[in-house]
Amino acid sequence: MAPPGASPEARAEAFVWLTARVLEQRRFAYHFLDGSPDAVEAALTAYRGEDGGYGHALDPDLRGPVSQPHHTAHALRVLDEIGRCADRRAELVCRYLTAVSTPEGALPALHPSSGSWPAAPWFPAPPGGPAAMAAGSLLTTGPVVGLLHRNAVWHAWLFRATDFCWAAIDALVLAGRPHPYEVEAAVAFLDGAPDRARAEAAADRLGRVVREQRLAVLDPERAAAVPPAAGSAAHDGPFPYPPHFPHDYARTPDSLARPWFTEAELDRSLDHLAGAQQEDGGWPLRRAAWAPGTVLEGRPVATVEALLILRAHGRGSPRTTPSSPV
């Protein structure tokens, strides 16, 4: 345990060394202890499959060794963090993305290869087999396409996938009340889209919908008063989604979602995030716990993500030397 009065980063460090997988330990060390990007990439490589995708429960809620678009999106976020989301790495990933794409050139929320491997109940395989899973999903396609564009990756797969994202975001706005997770995916795409003027215009329209439909909790003390989403994100099913706050959309100050919120609204949101740190130094999972192991693996992921959001917005004071907190 960290000593009494320790900083949030020191308390989180104690939690990470006590509970985290090697990947989250390496990510924490890279971001807050001047660790090596090589170490992060080596840890991430353990999750890569021979097909170029990523699996092996990289997201703890989706088990099994097979590659999945959802895992691959997570892997690209990690590679982007360490400045290695390009070159040969991106080419191998794009080969996998091409192989698992739907007829419209997008990525499915869940590929049929998931088979009977254990998964959280909000990852249900719809009845009907592979044909029922042929539709593309903005949830997986948006973040992947946005990251690849932001890293100046060009591959034939990106052309149709980019068109799919533009059309899907237009549909979100027309739908009137999109699902918060779909909005997150749209922002991830728009923040990296090469057509900046079009991206800014789309973000402005989407932000107006978010505010009109109360898809962000602007006063954390009144989160219970926000109505549940009426959308149909593929990862929810009958399970309630957690409340979304401004920082969930505007994860960095330069995000196109940042203008959606006032300075005071974002400050309250960040205060709420900082205050969610628990006694053991980690952040809680915001989804239902469905298996003991996934809670243990998922909380360090949530902890690193929370610290990165806070630091991006100028909260906290990252250290550069390990402190032997345990």
Protein backbone atom coordinates (compact mmCIF):
# COMPACT_ATOMS: atom_id res chain seq x y z
CA MET A 1 0.00 0.00 0.00
CA ALA A 2 1.11 3.57 -0.61
CA PRO A 3 1.98 5.62 2.50
CA PRO A 4 -0.64 7.97 4.02
CA GLY A 5 -0.87 11.28 2.17
CA ALA A 6 0.64 9.85 -1.03
CA SER A 7 -0.28 11.45 -4.36
CA PRO A 8 -2.96 9.87 -6.57
CA GLU A 9 -0.21 8.65 -8.94
CA ALA A 10 1.69 6.99 -6.08
CA ARG A 11 -1.46 5.33 -4.80
CA ALA A 12 -2.27 4.15 -8.32
CA GLU A 13 1.28 2.85 -8.72
CA ALA A 14 0.91 0.70 -5.61
CA PHE A 15 -2.35 -0.66 -6.99
CA VAL A 16 -0.83 -1.41 -10.41
CA TRP A 17 2.17 -3.31 -9.04
CA LEU A 18 -0.09 -5.32 -6.76
CA THR A 19 -2.81 -6.27 -9.24
CA ALA A 20 -2.11 -5.46 -12.89
CA ARG A 21 -1.19 -7.63 -15.86
CA VAL A 22 2.26 -7.08 -17.34
CA LEU A 23 0.82 -4.91 -20.12
CA GLU A 24 -0.78 -2.42 -17.71
CA GLN A 25 2.38 -2.43 -15.56
CA ARG A 26 4.43 -1.56 -18.64
CA ARG A 27 1.96 1.12 -19.76
CA PHE A 28 1.99 2.72 -16.33
CA ALA A 29 5.78 2.64 -16.24
CA TYR A 30 6.00 4.20 -19.72
CA HIS A 31 3.62 7.05 -18.94
CA PHE A 32 4.55 7.84 -15.35
CA LEU A 33 7.97 6.31 -14.58
CA ASP A 34 9.93 7.06 -17.76
CA GLY A 35 9.61 3.44 -18.85
CA SER A 36 10.55 2.02 -22.22
CA PRO A 37 8.16 1.87 -25.19
CA ASP A 38 9.93 -1.36 -26.19
CA ALA A 39 8.69 -2.95 -22.97
CA VAL A 40 5.10 -1.90 -23.70
CA GLU A 41 5.26 -3.29 -27.22
CA ALA A 42 6.81 -6.56 -26.02
CA ALA A 43 3.97 -7.02 -23.53
CA LEU A 44 1.37 -6.20 -26.19
CA THR A 45 2.90 -8.68 -28.64
CA ALA A 46 1.85 -11.54 -26.38
CA TYR A 47 -1.76 -10.83 -27.36
CA ARG A 48 -1.14 -10.81 -31.13
CA GLY A 49 -2.32 -13.71 -33.23
CA GLU A 50 -0.75 -15.21 -36.33
CA ASP A 51 -3.43 -13.48 -38.43
CA GLY A 52 -2.16 -10.02 -37.43
CA GLY A 53 -5.08 -9.29 -35.12
CA TYR A 54 -5.15 -9.33 -31.34
CA GLY A 55 -6.96 -11.65 -28.94
CA HIS A 56 -6.21 -13.59 -25.73
CA ALA A 57 -8.59 -11.42 -23.67
CA LEU A 58 -6.75 -8.17 -24.34
CA ASP A 59 -10.08 -6.67 -23.27
CA PRO A 60 -10.82 -8.78 -20.17
CA ASP A 61 -14.53 -8.93 -20.98
CA LEU A 62 -13.96 -10.86 -24.21
CA ARG A 63 -12.12 -14.13 -23.52
CA GLY A 64 -10.49 -16.72 -25.73
CA PRO A 65 -7.36 -16.77 -27.90
CA VAL A 66 -8.95 -15.73 -31.21
CA SER A 67 -8.41 -12.30 -32.73
CA GLN A 68 -11.29 -9.84 -32.59
CA PRO A 69 -11.74 -6.34 -34.06
CA HIS A 70 -12.56 -5.10 -30.55
CA HIS A 71 -9.21 -6.33 -29.21
CA THR A 72 -7.38 -4.97 -32.23
CA ALA A 73 -8.83 -1.50 -31.64
CA HIS A 74 -7.52 -1.68 -28.07
CA ALA A 75 -4.09 -2.74 -29.33
CA LEU A 76 -3.93 0.19 -31.74
CA ARG A 77 -4.69 2.60 -28.90
CA VAL A 78 -1.73 1.20 -26.97
CA LEU A 79 0.56 1.43 -30.01
CA ASP A 80 -0.61 5.01 -30.56
CA GLU A 81 0.28 5.88 -26.96
CA ILE A 82 3.89 4.85 -27.52
CA GLY A 83 4.19 6.31 -31.01
CA ARG A 84 4.29 3.00 -32.87
CA CYS A 85 0.99 2.88 -34.73
CA ALA A 86 2.49 2.90 -38.22
CA ASP A 87 5.02 1.19 -40.52
CA ARG A 88 5.12 -2.60 -40.65
CA ARG A 89 2.95 -2.90 -37.55
CA ALA A 90 0.06 -1.05 -39.18
CA GLU A 91 0.42 -3.02 -42.41
CA LEU A 92 0.03 -6.32 -40.56
CA VAL A 93 -3.00 -5.01 -38.67
CA CYS A 94 -4.60 -3.75 -41.89
CA ARG A 95 -4.25 -7.19 -43.47
CA TYR A 96 -6.22 -8.62 -40.57
CA LEU A 97 -8.82 -5.84 -40.79
CA THR A 98 -9.28 -6.53 -44.50
CA ALA A 99 -9.81 -10.22 -43.83
CA VAL A 100 -12.52 -9.72 -41.20
CA SER A 101 -14.36 -6.77 -42.78
CA THR A 102 -18.07 -6.89 -43.55
CA PRO A 103 -19.44 -6.51 -47.10
CA GLU A 104 -19.61 -2.71 -46.70
CA GLY A 105 -15.92 -2.60 -45.80
CA ALA A 106 -16.36 -1.98 -42.06
CA LEU A 107 -15.63 -4.04 -38.96
CA PRO A 108 -18.25 -6.10 -37.12
CA ALA A 109 -18.77 -5.53 -33.42
CA LEU A 110 -18.08 -9.22 -32.84
CA HIS A 111 -16.55 -11.60 -35.36
CA PRO A 112 -18.00 -15.13 -35.68
CA SER A 113 -14.63 -16.57 -34.65
CA SER A 114 -15.59 -15.80 -31.05
CA GLY A 115 -17.42 -19.14 -31.15
CA SER A 116 -18.13 -20.50 -27.71
CA TRP A 117 -15.32 -18.70 -25.88
CA PRO A 118 -16.49 -17.01 -22.67
CA ALA A 119 -17.58 -13.40 -23.04
CA ALA A 120 -19.40 -10.79 -21.01
CA PRO A 121 -23.19 -10.98 -21.39
CA TRP A 122 -23.18 -7.66 -23.31
CA PHE A 123 -21.14 -9.36 -26.06
CA PRO A 124 -23.84 -11.82 -27.14
CA ALA A 125 -23.50 -13.64 -30.46
CA PRO A 126 -26.82 -12.89 -32.17
CA PRO A 127 -28.84 -15.87 -33.35
CA GLY A 128 -28.41 -16.90 -36.93
CA GLY A 129 -24.67 -17.55 -37.06
CA PRO A 130 -22.14 -15.62 -39.14
CA ALA A 131 -24.76 -14.10 -41.46
CA ALA A 132 -26.34 -12.28 -38.51
CA MET A 133 -23.01 -10.64 -37.68
CA ALA A 134 -22.27 -9.33 -41.15
CA ALA A 135 -23.22 -5.71 -40.45
CA GLY A 136 -20.48 -3.20 -39.81
CA SER A 137 -20.29 -1.39 -36.49
CA LEU A 138 -19.15 2.16 -35.77
CA LEU A 139 -18.19 0.97 -32.29
CA THR A 140 -15.20 -0.93 -33.65
CA THR A 141 -14.63 0.74 -37.02
CA GLY A 142 -14.59 4.37 -35.85
CA PRO A 143 -11.73 4.15 -33.32
CA VAL A 144 -9.59 2.00 -35.64
CA VAL A 145 -10.00 4.25 -38.68
CA GLY A 146 -9.45 7.40 -36.64
CA LEU A 147 -6.19 6.13 -35.14
CA LEU A 148 -4.83 4.93 -38.46
CA HIS A 149 -5.58 8.28 -40.10
CA ARG A 150 -4.04 10.19 -37.20
CA ASN A 151 -0.85 8.22 -37.67
CA ALA A 152 -0.81 8.92 -41.43
CA VAL A 153 -1.35 5.26 -42.30
CA TRP A 154 -2.65 4.68 -45.84
CA HIS A 155 -4.00 1.31 -46.85
CA ALA A 156 -6.66 0.20 -49.33
CA TRP A 157 -8.87 -1.01 -46.47
CA LEU A 158 -9.22 2.54 -45.17
CA PHE A 159 -11.09 3.97 -48.16
CA ARG A 160 -14.37 2.10 -47.74
CA ALA A 161 -14.05 2.00 -43.96
CA THR A 162 -13.73 5.80 -43.89
CA ASP A 163 -16.83 6.20 -46.06
CA PHE A 164 -18.68 3.86 -43.72
CA CYS A 165 -17.76 6.01 -40.70
CA TRP A 166 -18.94 9.23 -42.33
CA ALA A 167 -22.28 7.63 -43.22
CA ALA A 168 -22.66 6.07 -39.78
CA ILE A 169 -22.06 9.42 -38.04
CA ASP A 170 -24.62 11.13 -40.28
CA ALA A 171 -27.07 8.40 -39.31
CA LEU A 172 -26.34 8.97 -35.61
CA VAL A 173 -27.28 12.63 -35.91
CA LEU A 174 -30.45 11.80 -37.83
CA ALA A 175 -31.41 9.13 -35.30
CA GLY A 176 -31.97 11.86 -32.74
CA ARG A 177 -30.75 9.93 -29.70
CA PRO A 178 -27.57 7.95 -30.40
CA HIS A 179 -26.04 5.65 -27.85
CA PRO A 180 -23.21 7.17 -25.76
CA TYR A 181 -20.75 4.45 -26.81
CA GLU A 182 -21.54 5.19 -30.44
CA VAL A 183 -20.84 8.87 -29.78
CA GLU A 184 -17.48 7.94 -28.21
CA ALA A 185 -16.61 5.92 -31.32
CA ALA A 186 -17.67 8.79 -33.57
CA VAL A 187 -15.42 11.21 -31.69
CA ALA A 188 -12.50 8.77 -31.96
CA PHE A 189 -12.98 8.77 -35.74
CA LEU A 190 -13.51 12.53 -36.08
CA ASP A 191 -10.43 13.36 -34.01
CA GLY A 192 -8.28 11.56 -36.57
CA ALA A 193 -10.20 12.11 -39.82
CA PRO A 194 -8.03 13.82 -42.47
CA ASP A 195 -10.85 16.08 -43.72
CA ARG A 196 -10.71 18.47 -40.79
CA ALA A 197 -13.39 20.88 -42.01
CA ARG A 198 -15.87 18.06 -42.50
CA ALA A 199 -14.90 16.55 -39.14
CA GLU A 200 -15.43 19.83 -37.31
CA ALA A 201 -18.84 20.31 -38.91
CA ALA A 202 -19.90 16.74 -38.04
CA ALA A 203 -18.64 17.14 -34.46
CA ASP A 204 -20.61 20.36 -34.07
CA ARG A 205 -23.83 18.64 -35.18
CA LEU A 206 -23.16 15.64 -32.95
CA GLY A 207 -22.35 17.82 -29.96
CA ARG A 208 -25.69 19.59 -30.26
CA VAL A 209 -27.43 16.21 -30.18
CA VAL A 210 -25.43 15.15 -27.11
CA ARG A 211 -26.54 18.23 -25.21
CA GLU A 212 -30.14 18.23 -26.42
CA GLN A 213 -30.58 14.55 -25.54
CA ARG A 214 -28.67 14.80 -22.25
CA LEU A 215 -26.16 12.14 -23.19
CA ALA A 216 -23.57 13.61 -20.82
CA VAL A 217 -23.99 14.08 -17.08
CA LEU A 218 -23.13 17.75 -16.54
CA ASP A 219 -23.67 17.66 -12.78
CA PRO A 220 -22.15 14.45 -11.35
CA GLU A 221 -24.12 14.88 -8.11
CA ARG A 222 -27.33 14.43 -10.12
CA ALA A 223 -26.23 11.52 -12.32
CA ALA A 224 -29.25 9.44 -11.28
CA ALA A 225 -31.57 11.98 -12.88
CA VAL A 226 -30.17 11.44 -16.38
CA PRO A 227 -32.46 9.16 -18.44
CA PRO A 228 -30.97 5.90 -19.77
CA ALA A 229 -29.92 5.66 -23.40
CA ALA A 230 -32.52 4.49 -25.86
CA GLY A 231 -29.95 3.58 -28.50
CA SER A 232 -28.88 0.10 -29.50
CA ALA A 233 -25.13 -0.19 -29.01
CA ALA A 234 -24.04 -3.72 -29.79
CA HIS A 235 -22.24 -4.14 -26.47
CA ASP A 236 -25.17 -3.41 -24.17
CA GLY A 237 -28.02 -5.81 -24.76
CA PRO A 238 -30.27 -5.82 -21.69
CA PHE A 239 -27.52 -4.42 -19.45
CA PRO A 240 -27.61 -0.77 -18.33
CA TYR A 241 -24.82 1.44 -19.57
CA PRO A 242 -22.83 3.55 -17.07
CA PRO A 243 -23.48 7.29 -16.99
CA HIS A 244 -21.29 9.23 -19.40
CA PHE A 245 -19.55 12.45 -18.40
CA PRO A 246 -17.86 15.18 -20.46
CA HIS A 247 -14.43 13.60 -19.99
CA ASP A 248 -15.68 10.36 -21.58
CA TYR A 249 -16.12 12.22 -24.86
CA ALA A 250 -13.43 14.90 -24.57
CA ARG A 251 -10.56 12.72 -23.41
CA THR A 252 -7.99 15.33 -24.42
CA PRO A 253 -8.17 19.14 -24.61
CA ASP A 254 -7.69 19.08 -28.40
CA SER A 255 -10.58 16.67 -29.03
CA LEU A 256 -13.39 17.93 -31.25
CA ALA A 257 -15.71 17.05 -28.37
CA ARG A 258 -14.07 19.62 -26.07
CA PRO A 259 -16.17 22.59 -27.35
CA TRP A 260 -19.33 20.70 -26.42
CA PHE A 261 -18.80 21.60 -22.76
CA THR A 262 -18.07 24.71 -20.75
CA GLU A 263 -14.97 25.05 -18.62
CA ALA A 264 -17.05 24.60 -15.48
CA GLU A 265 -18.77 21.48 -16.83
CA LEU A 266 -15.49 19.83 -17.74
CA ASP A 267 -13.93 20.79 -14.39
CA ARG A 268 -16.80 19.14 -12.53
CA SER A 269 -16.42 16.08 -14.71
CA LEU A 270 -12.68 15.82 -14.03
CA ASP A 271 -13.25 16.39 -10.32
CA HIS A 272 -15.69 13.49 -10.38
CA LEU A 273 -13.17 11.28 -12.19
CA ALA A 274 -10.39 12.14 -9.75
CA GLY A 275 -12.70 11.50 -6.82
CA ALA A 276 -13.58 8.03 -8.07
CA GLN A 277 -10.14 6.70 -7.11
CA GLN A 278 -10.72 4.05 -4.46
CA GLU A 279 -9.00 3.34 -1.17
CA ASP A 280 -6.63 0.79 -2.71
CA GLY A 281 -5.41 3.34 -5.28
CA GLY A 282 -7.29 1.95 -8.28
CA TRP A 283 -10.33 3.11 -10.18
CA PRO A 284 -13.52 1.01 -10.27
CA LEU A 285 -14.96 -0.76 -13.25
CA ARG A 286 -17.97 1.06 -14.63
CA ARG A 287 -19.60 -2.04 -16.10
CA ALA A 288 -21.32 -4.91 -14.32
CA ALA A 289 -19.01 -7.55 -12.89
CA TRP A 290 -19.76 -10.89 -14.55
CA ALA A 291 -16.67 -12.94 -13.54
CA PRO A 292 -14.13 -12.46 -10.71
CA GLY A 293 -11.08 -12.62 -13.00
CA THR A 294 -12.33 -9.91 -15.32
CA VAL A 295 -12.73 -7.49 -12.42
CA LEU A 296 -9.15 -8.09 -11.32
CA GLU A 297 -7.83 -7.59 -14.85
CA GLY A 298 -10.15 -4.75 -15.77
CA ARG A 299 -9.57 -2.37 -12.86
CA PRO A 300 -5.87 -1.71 -13.69
CA VAL A 301 -6.94 -0.94 -17.28
CA ALA A 302 -9.51 1.53 -15.95
CA THR A 303 -6.88 3.01 -13.62
CA VAL A 304 -4.35 3.71 -16.36
CA GLU A 305 -7.07 5.20 -18.58
CA ALA A 306 -8.31 7.48 -15.78
CA LEU A 307 -4.80 8.74 -15.05
CA LEU A 308 -4.16 9.46 -18.73
CA ILE A 309 -7.37 11.48 -19.06
CA LEU A 310 -6.57 13.47 -15.92
CA ARG A 311 -3.00 14.15 -17.03
CA ALA A 312 -4.11 15.19 -20.53
CA HIS A 313 -6.28 17.87 -18.93
CA GLY A 314 -3.52 19.11 -16.65
CA ARG A 315 -4.53 17.21 -13.54
CA GLY A 316 -1.93 15.38 -11.46
CA SER A 317 1.85 15.52 -11.45
CA PRO A 318 3.45 12.48 -13.13
CA ARG A 319 6.68 11.27 -11.56
CA THR A 320 9.74 10.01 -13.40
CA THR A 321 11.29 7.57 -10.92
CA PRO A 322 9.78 4.46 -9.32
CA SER A 323 9.09 4.67 -5.62
CA SER A 324 8.85 1.04 -4.46
CA PRO A 325 5.31 1.70 -3.18
CA VAL A 326 4.51 -1.78 -1.90
